[in-house]
Amino acid sequence: MDHQQDVVSPEITFQHQHSDADFRKRVRKTTIILSILTAIELGFGLTIYTIHKGENPNPTLVLMFKGMISILTLAKAYYIVSVFMHLGDEIRNMIMTIVVPLLLFIWFITAFIYEGNSYKNLRNRYDPHFRETMMPSQHHKADTAVKTQGGKE
């Protein structure tokens, strides 16, 4: 019976001793950071909305704001996973086990969006019946009238 107590488990475990005050402080800090990031994202979103309401929206400026929103969203995801899902307290191998498949998933989404956009552009360029199938009939009639007027000249 005493022999069982002498056997050491090969499993490595880490016992984190967090006091309740430290945990509350960390959660409060993370909540404030997430609130600030959300407020900045909302400000960027309202700016994009205002740019689109204008007469001549600048597509480069809108793209820059959308990129900033994406970066802020990734920062928020990092804080949520690190603190509230306790991944920040894990060992590096466990973190990589979760992060690498996530990065591959993001890569798949980006590749599918790129390929779908390429297909859409090629279909629009090489499909001879694209105008007839995709444009409303009133626009098609106006386009036909312009062509016939141009043909009379």
N, C-alpha and C. Protein backbone atom coordinates (compact mmCIF):
# COMPACT_ATOMS: atom_id res chain seq x y z
N MET A 1 0.81 -1.18 0.00
CA MET A 1 0.00 0.00 0.00
C MET A 1 0.86 1.26 0.00
N ASP A 2 1.97 1.24 0.74
CA ASP A 2 2.85 2.40 0.76
C ASP A 2 3.59 2.56 -0.56
N HIS A 3 3.70 1.47 -1.31
CA HIS A 3 4.39 1.51 -2.60
C HIS A 3 3.67 2.44 -3.59
N GLN A 4 2.38 2.51 -3.54
CA GLN A 4 1.63 3.36 -4.46
C GLN A 4 1.92 4.84 -4.23
N GLN A 5 2.24 5.22 -3.04
CA GLN A 5 2.55 6.62 -2.76
C GLN A 5 3.92 7.01 -3.27
N ASP A 6 4.83 6.03 -3.42
CA ASP A 6 6.18 6.31 -3.88
C ASP A 6 6.25 6.49 -5.40
N VAL A 7 5.26 6.03 -6.13
CA VAL A 7 5.28 6.12 -7.58
C VAL A 7 4.99 7.57 -7.98
N VAL A 8 5.89 8.10 -8.83
CA VAL A 8 5.74 9.48 -9.28
C VAL A 8 5.08 9.46 -10.65
N SER A 9 4.11 10.30 -10.83
CA SER A 9 3.41 10.37 -12.11
C SER A 9 4.28 11.09 -13.13
N PRO A 10 4.39 10.54 -14.35
CA PRO A 10 5.19 11.22 -15.37
C PRO A 10 4.50 12.46 -15.95
N GLU A 11 3.28 12.67 -15.57
CA GLU A 11 2.53 13.81 -16.09
C GLU A 11 3.04 15.10 -15.43
N ILE A 12 3.21 16.10 -16.26
CA ILE A 12 3.65 17.40 -15.75
C ILE A 12 2.42 18.29 -15.63
N THR A 13 2.18 18.73 -14.45
CA THR A 13 1.05 19.63 -14.24
C THR A 13 1.55 20.89 -13.56
N PHE A 14 0.91 21.97 -13.89
CA PHE A 14 1.26 23.25 -13.29
C PHE A 14 0.06 23.74 -12.50
N GLN A 15 0.29 23.99 -11.27
CA GLN A 15 -0.76 24.54 -10.42
C GLN A 15 -0.51 26.03 -10.28
N HIS A 16 -1.40 26.81 -10.86
CA HIS A 16 -1.26 28.25 -10.78
C HIS A 16 -1.99 28.74 -9.53
N GLN A 17 -1.27 29.42 -8.72
CA GLN A 17 -1.84 29.97 -7.50
C GLN A 17 -2.19 31.43 -7.73
N HIS A 18 -3.43 31.67 -8.11
CA HIS A 18 -3.88 33.04 -8.31
C HIS A 18 -4.77 33.42 -7.14
N SER A 19 -4.50 34.56 -6.63
CA SER A 19 -5.41 35.03 -5.59
C SER A 19 -6.64 35.62 -6.25
N ASP A 20 -7.71 35.70 -5.51
CA ASP A 20 -8.97 36.21 -6.06
C ASP A 20 -8.83 37.67 -6.47
N ALA A 21 -8.05 38.43 -5.74
CA ALA A 21 -7.85 39.85 -6.06
C ALA A 21 -7.07 40.00 -7.37
N ASP A 22 -6.06 39.15 -7.59
CA ASP A 22 -5.29 39.21 -8.84
C ASP A 22 -6.17 38.88 -10.04
N PHE A 23 -7.02 37.87 -9.87
CA PHE A 23 -7.90 37.47 -10.97
C PHE A 23 -8.89 38.58 -11.30
N ARG A 24 -9.47 39.18 -10.27
CA ARG A 24 -10.42 40.28 -10.51
C ARG A 24 -9.73 41.46 -11.18
N LYS A 25 -8.51 41.74 -10.77
CA LYS A 25 -7.75 42.84 -11.37
C LYS A 25 -7.47 42.56 -12.85
N ARG A 26 -7.12 41.32 -13.16
CA ARG A 26 -6.83 40.94 -14.53
C ARG A 26 -8.09 41.00 -15.40
N VAL A 27 -9.21 40.52 -14.88
CA VAL A 27 -10.47 40.57 -15.62
C VAL A 27 -10.91 42.02 -15.82
N ARG A 28 -10.76 42.85 -14.82
CA ARG A 28 -11.13 44.26 -14.95
C ARG A 28 -10.28 44.95 -16.00
N LYS A 29 -8.96 44.68 -15.98
CA LYS A 29 -8.06 45.28 -16.96
C LYS A 29 -8.43 44.83 -18.38
N THR A 30 -8.71 43.54 -18.56
CA THR A 30 -9.08 43.02 -19.87
C THR A 30 -10.41 43.60 -20.34
N THR A 31 -11.36 43.74 -19.44
CA THR A 31 -12.65 44.32 -19.80
C THR A 31 -12.50 45.76 -20.25
N ILE A 32 -11.66 46.52 -19.58
CA ILE A 32 -11.41 47.92 -19.98
C ILE A 32 -10.75 47.96 -21.35
N ILE A 33 -9.75 47.10 -21.57
CA ILE A 33 -9.07 47.06 -22.87
C ILE A 33 -10.05 46.69 -23.97
N LEU A 34 -10.90 45.67 -23.73
CA LEU A 34 -11.87 45.27 -24.75
C LEU A 34 -12.89 46.38 -25.02
N SER A 35 -13.28 47.10 -23.99
CA SER A 35 -14.22 48.21 -24.18
C SER A 35 -13.60 49.32 -25.01
N ILE A 36 -12.35 49.64 -24.74
CA ILE A 36 -11.66 50.69 -25.50
C ILE A 36 -11.51 50.27 -26.96
N LEU A 37 -11.10 49.02 -27.20
CA LEU A 37 -10.96 48.53 -28.57
C LEU A 37 -12.29 48.54 -29.30
N THR A 38 -13.37 48.18 -28.61
CA THR A 38 -14.70 48.20 -29.22
C THR A 38 -15.12 49.62 -29.57
N ALA A 39 -14.85 50.58 -28.68
CA ALA A 39 -15.19 51.98 -28.96
C ALA A 39 -14.42 52.50 -30.17
N ILE A 40 -13.14 52.12 -30.29
CA ILE A 40 -12.34 52.54 -31.44
C ILE A 40 -12.90 51.91 -32.72
N GLU A 41 -13.27 50.63 -32.65
CA GLU A 41 -13.86 49.97 -33.82
C GLU A 41 -15.15 50.65 -34.25
N LEU A 42 -15.98 51.01 -33.29
CA LEU A 42 -17.22 51.71 -33.62
C LEU A 42 -16.94 53.07 -34.25
N GLY A 43 -15.93 53.75 -33.76
CA GLY A 43 -15.54 55.03 -34.36
C GLY A 43 -15.09 54.86 -35.80
N PHE A 44 -14.30 53.82 -36.05
CA PHE A 44 -13.87 53.54 -37.43
C PHE A 44 -15.07 53.18 -38.31
N GLY A 45 -16.00 52.40 -37.77
CA GLY A 45 -17.19 52.03 -38.53
C GLY A 45 -18.04 53.25 -38.88
N LEU A 46 -18.20 54.16 -37.94
CA LEU A 46 -18.95 55.38 -38.23
C LEU A 46 -18.22 56.25 -39.24
N THR A 47 -16.89 56.25 -39.18
CA THR A 47 -16.11 57.00 -40.16
C THR A 47 -16.30 56.42 -41.56
N ILE A 48 -16.29 55.09 -41.66
CA ILE A 48 -16.52 54.45 -42.96
C ILE A 48 -17.92 54.80 -43.47
N TYR A 49 -18.90 54.79 -42.58
CA TYR A 49 -20.26 55.14 -42.97
C TYR A 49 -20.33 56.57 -43.48
N THR A 50 -19.64 57.48 -42.80
CA THR A 50 -19.63 58.88 -43.21
C THR A 50 -18.92 59.04 -44.56
N ILE A 51 -17.84 58.31 -44.76
CA ILE A 51 -17.12 58.38 -46.04
C ILE A 51 -18.02 57.90 -47.18
N HIS A 52 -18.76 56.83 -46.94
CA HIS A 52 -19.65 56.31 -47.98
C HIS A 52 -20.83 57.24 -48.27
N LYS A 53 -21.24 58.03 -47.28
CA LYS A 53 -22.34 58.97 -47.51
C LYS A 53 -21.90 60.16 -48.35
N GLY A 54 -20.61 60.41 -48.43
CA GLY A 54 -20.10 61.56 -49.17
C GLY A 54 -20.26 61.40 -50.67
N GLU A 55 -19.96 62.48 -51.36
CA GLU A 55 -20.11 62.51 -52.83
C GLU A 55 -19.13 61.57 -53.53
N ASN A 56 -17.85 61.64 -53.13
CA ASN A 56 -16.82 60.87 -53.82
C ASN A 56 -16.00 60.09 -52.80
N PRO A 57 -16.46 58.88 -52.39
CA PRO A 57 -15.73 58.14 -51.36
C PRO A 57 -14.36 57.68 -51.86
N ASN A 58 -13.38 57.78 -50.99
CA ASN A 58 -12.03 57.36 -51.32
C ASN A 58 -11.88 55.87 -50.97
N PRO A 59 -11.75 54.97 -51.96
CA PRO A 59 -11.69 53.54 -51.65
C PRO A 59 -10.45 53.14 -50.87
N THR A 60 -9.34 53.83 -51.06
CA THR A 60 -8.12 53.50 -50.31
C THR A 60 -8.29 53.81 -48.84
N LEU A 61 -8.92 54.93 -48.53
CA LEU A 61 -9.16 55.30 -47.14
C LEU A 61 -10.11 54.31 -46.47
N VAL A 62 -11.15 53.92 -47.18
CA VAL A 62 -12.10 52.94 -46.63
C VAL A 62 -11.39 51.61 -46.38
N LEU A 63 -10.54 51.19 -47.31
CA LEU A 63 -9.80 49.94 -47.14
C LEU A 63 -8.86 50.00 -45.94
N MET A 64 -8.23 51.15 -45.73
CA MET A 64 -7.35 51.31 -44.56
C MET A 64 -8.15 51.21 -43.27
N PHE A 65 -9.31 51.84 -43.21
CA PHE A 65 -10.14 51.75 -42.01
C PHE A 65 -10.62 50.32 -41.77
N LYS A 66 -10.98 49.62 -42.84
CA LYS A 66 -11.40 48.23 -42.69
C LYS A 66 -10.26 47.35 -42.21
N GLY A 67 -9.04 47.61 -42.69
CA GLY A 67 -7.87 46.88 -42.20
C GLY A 67 -7.63 47.12 -40.72
N MET A 68 -7.79 48.38 -40.30
CA MET A 68 -7.62 48.69 -38.86
C MET A 68 -8.68 47.98 -38.02
N ILE A 69 -9.91 47.92 -38.52
CA ILE A 69 -10.96 47.21 -37.80
C ILE A 69 -10.62 45.73 -37.68
N SER A 70 -10.06 45.15 -38.74
CA SER A 70 -9.67 43.74 -38.70
C SER A 70 -8.57 43.50 -37.68
N ILE A 71 -7.59 44.39 -37.63
CA ILE A 71 -6.50 44.26 -36.66
C ILE A 71 -7.02 44.39 -35.24
N LEU A 72 -7.91 45.35 -35.00
CA LEU A 72 -8.48 45.52 -33.66
C LEU A 72 -9.33 44.31 -33.27
N THR A 73 -10.03 43.72 -34.23
CA THR A 73 -10.83 42.52 -33.94
C THR A 73 -9.93 41.35 -33.55
N LEU A 74 -8.80 41.21 -34.23
CA LEU A 74 -7.86 40.14 -33.87
C LEU A 74 -7.27 40.38 -32.47
N ALA A 75 -7.00 41.64 -32.13
CA ALA A 75 -6.50 41.95 -30.80
C ALA A 75 -7.54 41.60 -29.73
N LYS A 76 -8.80 41.90 -30.01
CA LYS A 76 -9.86 41.55 -29.07
C LYS A 76 -9.97 40.03 -28.92
N ALA A 77 -9.87 39.32 -30.03
CA ALA A 77 -9.94 37.85 -29.97
C ALA A 77 -8.79 37.29 -29.13
N TYR A 78 -7.61 37.89 -29.28
CA TYR A 78 -6.46 37.45 -28.48
C TYR A 78 -6.73 37.63 -26.99
N TYR A 79 -7.23 38.78 -26.60
CA TYR A 79 -7.49 39.03 -25.18
C TYR A 79 -8.58 38.11 -24.65
N ILE A 80 -9.62 37.87 -25.43
CA ILE A 80 -10.70 37.00 -24.96
C ILE A 80 -10.19 35.58 -24.76
N VAL A 81 -9.44 35.07 -25.74
CA VAL A 81 -8.92 33.70 -25.63
C VAL A 81 -7.87 33.61 -24.52
N SER A 82 -7.04 34.60 -24.40
CA SER A 82 -5.96 34.56 -23.42
C SER A 82 -6.47 34.61 -21.99
N VAL A 83 -7.41 35.51 -21.73
CA VAL A 83 -7.84 35.71 -20.34
C VAL A 83 -9.06 34.87 -20.00
N PHE A 84 -10.13 35.01 -20.76
CA PHE A 84 -11.38 34.36 -20.38
C PHE A 84 -11.39 32.88 -20.69
N MET A 85 -10.62 32.43 -21.67
CA MET A 85 -10.54 31.01 -21.97
C MET A 85 -9.26 30.40 -21.38
N HIS A 86 -8.50 31.19 -20.68
CA HIS A 86 -7.30 30.76 -19.93
C HIS A 86 -6.22 30.13 -20.80
N LEU A 87 -6.17 30.48 -22.08
CA LEU A 87 -5.13 29.93 -22.95
C LEU A 87 -3.78 30.60 -22.69
N GLY A 88 -3.80 31.82 -22.17
CA GLY A 88 -2.56 32.52 -21.86
C GLY A 88 -1.76 31.85 -20.75
N ASP A 89 -2.42 31.02 -19.94
CA ASP A 89 -1.75 30.34 -18.83
C ASP A 89 -1.19 28.97 -19.22
N GLU A 90 -1.43 28.55 -20.44
CA GLU A 90 -1.00 27.23 -20.88
C GLU A 90 0.45 27.24 -21.36
N ILE A 91 0.99 26.04 -21.55
CA ILE A 91 2.35 25.93 -22.07
C ILE A 91 2.33 26.18 -23.57
N ARG A 92 3.48 26.46 -24.13
CA ARG A 92 3.59 26.89 -25.53
C ARG A 92 3.06 25.83 -26.50
N ASN A 93 3.34 24.56 -26.26
CA ASN A 93 2.89 23.51 -27.17
C ASN A 93 1.36 23.44 -27.24
N MET A 94 0.69 23.64 -26.12
CA MET A 94 -0.77 23.63 -26.12
C MET A 94 -1.30 24.83 -26.91
N ILE A 95 -0.68 25.98 -26.75
CA ILE A 95 -1.10 27.17 -27.48
C ILE A 95 -0.92 26.94 -28.98
N MET A 96 0.21 26.37 -29.40
CA MET A 96 0.46 26.12 -30.82
C MET A 96 -0.52 25.09 -31.39
N THR A 97 -0.95 24.14 -30.57
CA THR A 97 -1.92 23.15 -31.01
C THR A 97 -3.24 23.80 -31.39
N ILE A 98 -3.57 24.90 -30.77
CA ILE A 98 -4.81 25.61 -31.08
C ILE A 98 -4.59 26.68 -32.14
N VAL A 99 -3.48 27.40 -32.09
CA VAL A 99 -3.26 28.54 -32.97
C VAL A 99 -2.96 28.12 -34.41
N VAL A 100 -2.18 27.09 -34.62
CA VAL A 100 -1.80 26.69 -35.98
C VAL A 100 -3.02 26.26 -36.80
N PRO A 101 -3.90 25.39 -36.30
CA PRO A 101 -5.10 25.09 -37.10
C PRO A 101 -5.98 26.32 -37.32
N LEU A 102 -6.02 27.22 -36.38
CA LEU A 102 -6.80 28.44 -36.56
C LEU A 102 -6.23 29.28 -37.69
N LEU A 103 -4.90 29.40 -37.76
CA LEU A 103 -4.28 30.15 -38.85
C LEU A 103 -4.53 29.48 -40.20
N LEU A 104 -4.51 28.15 -40.23
CA LEU A 104 -4.82 27.44 -41.47
C LEU A 104 -6.27 27.68 -41.89
N PHE A 105 -7.17 27.74 -40.92
CA PHE A 105 -8.57 28.02 -41.21
C PHE A 105 -8.74 29.42 -41.80
N ILE A 106 -8.04 30.38 -41.24
CA ILE A 106 -8.08 31.75 -41.77
C ILE A 106 -7.50 31.78 -43.18
N TRP A 107 -6.43 31.04 -43.40
CA TRP A 107 -5.84 30.96 -44.74
C TRP A 107 -6.84 30.36 -45.73
N PHE A 108 -7.56 29.31 -45.34
CA PHE A 108 -8.57 28.70 -46.21
C PHE A 108 -9.65 29.71 -46.58
N ILE A 109 -10.13 30.46 -45.61
CA ILE A 109 -11.17 31.45 -45.88
C ILE A 109 -10.66 32.50 -46.86
N THR A 110 -9.44 32.98 -46.65
CA THR A 110 -8.86 33.98 -47.55
C THR A 110 -8.72 33.42 -48.96
N ALA A 111 -8.24 32.19 -49.08
CA ALA A 111 -8.07 31.58 -50.40
C ALA A 111 -9.41 31.40 -51.10
N PHE A 112 -10.44 30.98 -50.37
CA PHE A 112 -11.76 30.79 -50.99
C PHE A 112 -12.35 32.12 -51.43
N ILE A 113 -12.18 33.16 -50.66
CA ILE A 113 -12.69 34.47 -51.05
C ILE A 113 -11.96 34.96 -52.30
N TYR A 114 -10.64 34.79 -52.35
CA TYR A 114 -9.87 35.21 -53.51
C TYR A 114 -10.30 34.45 -54.76
N GLU A 115 -10.45 33.14 -54.63
CA GLU A 115 -10.84 32.33 -55.79
C GLU A 115 -12.27 32.64 -56.23
N GLY A 116 -13.16 32.89 -55.28
CA GLY A 116 -14.53 33.24 -55.64
C GLY A 116 -14.59 34.56 -56.37
N ASN A 117 -13.80 35.53 -55.93
CA ASN A 117 -13.75 36.82 -56.61
C ASN A 117 -13.17 36.67 -58.01
N SER A 118 -12.15 35.85 -58.15
CA SER A 118 -11.56 35.60 -59.47
C SER A 118 -12.58 34.96 -60.40
N TYR A 119 -13.33 33.99 -59.91
CA TYR A 119 -14.35 33.34 -60.72
C TYR A 119 -15.41 34.35 -61.15
N LYS A 120 -15.84 35.19 -60.21
CA LYS A 120 -16.86 36.20 -60.53
C LYS A 120 -16.36 37.14 -61.62
N ASN A 121 -15.12 37.60 -61.51
CA ASN A 121 -14.58 38.52 -62.51
C ASN A 121 -14.44 37.86 -63.87
N LEU A 122 -13.97 36.62 -63.89
CA LEU A 122 -13.84 35.92 -65.17
C LEU A 122 -15.20 35.64 -65.80
N ARG A 123 -16.17 35.29 -64.99
CA ARG A 123 -17.51 35.03 -65.51
C ARG A 123 -18.11 36.30 -66.09
N ASN A 124 -17.91 37.41 -65.42
CA ASN A 124 -18.45 38.68 -65.91
C ASN A 124 -17.77 39.10 -67.22
N ARG A 125 -16.51 38.79 -67.37
CA ARG A 125 -15.77 39.21 -68.55
C ARG A 125 -16.07 38.32 -69.77
N TYR A 126 -16.17 37.01 -69.56
CA TYR A 126 -16.25 36.09 -70.69
C TYR A 126 -17.64 35.53 -70.97
N ASP A 127 -18.61 35.80 -70.12
CA ASP A 127 -19.96 35.30 -70.36
C ASP A 127 -20.67 36.25 -71.32
N PRO A 128 -21.02 35.81 -72.54
CA PRO A 128 -21.62 36.72 -73.51
C PRO A 128 -23.03 37.17 -73.12
N HIS A 129 -23.70 36.42 -72.26
CA HIS A 129 -25.06 36.76 -71.88
C HIS A 129 -25.14 37.39 -70.49
N PHE A 130 -24.02 37.88 -70.00
CA PHE A 130 -23.99 38.44 -68.65
C PHE A 130 -24.91 39.65 -68.53
N ARG A 131 -24.87 40.57 -69.49
CA ARG A 131 -25.71 41.77 -69.43
C ARG A 131 -27.18 41.40 -69.40
N GLU A 132 -27.59 40.44 -70.21
CA GLU A 132 -28.99 40.08 -70.29
C GLU A 132 -29.47 39.39 -69.01
N THR A 133 -28.60 38.63 -68.38
CA THR A 133 -29.04 37.87 -67.21
C THR A 133 -28.88 38.63 -65.90
N MET A 134 -27.95 39.57 -65.81
CA MET A 134 -27.66 40.22 -64.54
C MET A 134 -28.18 41.65 -64.43
N MET A 135 -28.43 42.32 -65.54
CA MET A 135 -28.87 43.71 -65.47
C MET A 135 -30.40 43.77 -65.51
N PRO A 136 -31.02 44.66 -64.73
CA PRO A 136 -32.47 44.82 -64.81
C PRO A 136 -32.88 45.24 -66.21
N SER A 137 -34.11 44.93 -66.58
CA SER A 137 -34.56 45.17 -67.95
C SER A 137 -34.56 46.65 -68.32
N GLN A 138 -34.84 47.56 -67.38
CA GLN A 138 -34.85 48.98 -67.71
C GLN A 138 -33.45 49.47 -68.09
N HIS A 139 -32.43 48.99 -67.41
CA HIS A 139 -31.07 49.37 -67.77
C HIS A 139 -30.68 48.77 -69.11
N HIS A 140 -31.12 47.56 -69.34
CA HIS A 140 -30.79 46.89 -70.59
C HIS A 140 -31.42 47.63 -71.77
N LYS A 141 -32.68 48.10 -71.60
CA LYS A 141 -33.34 48.84 -72.67
C LYS A 141 -32.64 50.17 -72.93
N ALA A 142 -32.21 50.84 -71.84
CA ALA A 142 -31.50 52.11 -72.01
C ALA A 142 -30.17 51.89 -72.72
N ASP A 143 -29.49 50.80 -72.37
CA ASP A 143 -28.21 50.49 -73.00
C ASP A 143 -28.42 50.16 -74.49
N THR A 144 -29.50 49.46 -74.81
CA THR A 144 -29.80 49.12 -76.20
C THR A 144 -30.14 50.38 -76.99
N ALA A 145 -30.88 51.33 -76.38
CA ALA A 145 -31.24 52.57 -77.05
C ALA A 145 -30.00 53.39 -77.37
N VAL A 146 -29.04 53.41 -76.47
CA VAL A 146 -27.79 54.14 -76.71
C VAL A 146 -27.03 53.50 -77.86
N LYS A 147 -27.02 52.17 -77.92
CA LYS A 147 -26.32 51.49 -79.01
C LYS A 147 -26.98 51.77 -80.36
N THR A 148 -28.32 51.80 -80.39
CA THR A 148 -28.99 52.05 -81.68
C THR A 148 -28.80 53.48 -82.12
N GLN A 149 -28.75 54.44 -81.18
CA GLN A 149 -28.50 55.82 -81.56
C GLN A 149 -27.08 55.96 -82.09
N GLY A 150 -26.17 55.27 -81.49
CA GLY A 150 -24.78 55.32 -81.95
C GLY A 150 -24.64 54.67 -83.32
N GLY A 151 -25.48 53.67 -83.62
CA GLY A 151 -25.40 53.01 -84.91
C GLY A 151 -25.94 53.86 -86.05
N LYS A 152 -26.87 54.80 -85.77
CA LYS A 152 -27.45 55.66 -86.81
C LYS A 152 -26.47 56.68 -87.30
N GLU A 153 -25.54 57.05 -86.46
CA GLU A 153 -24.59 58.11 -86.84
C GLU A 153 -23.62 57.63 -87.79
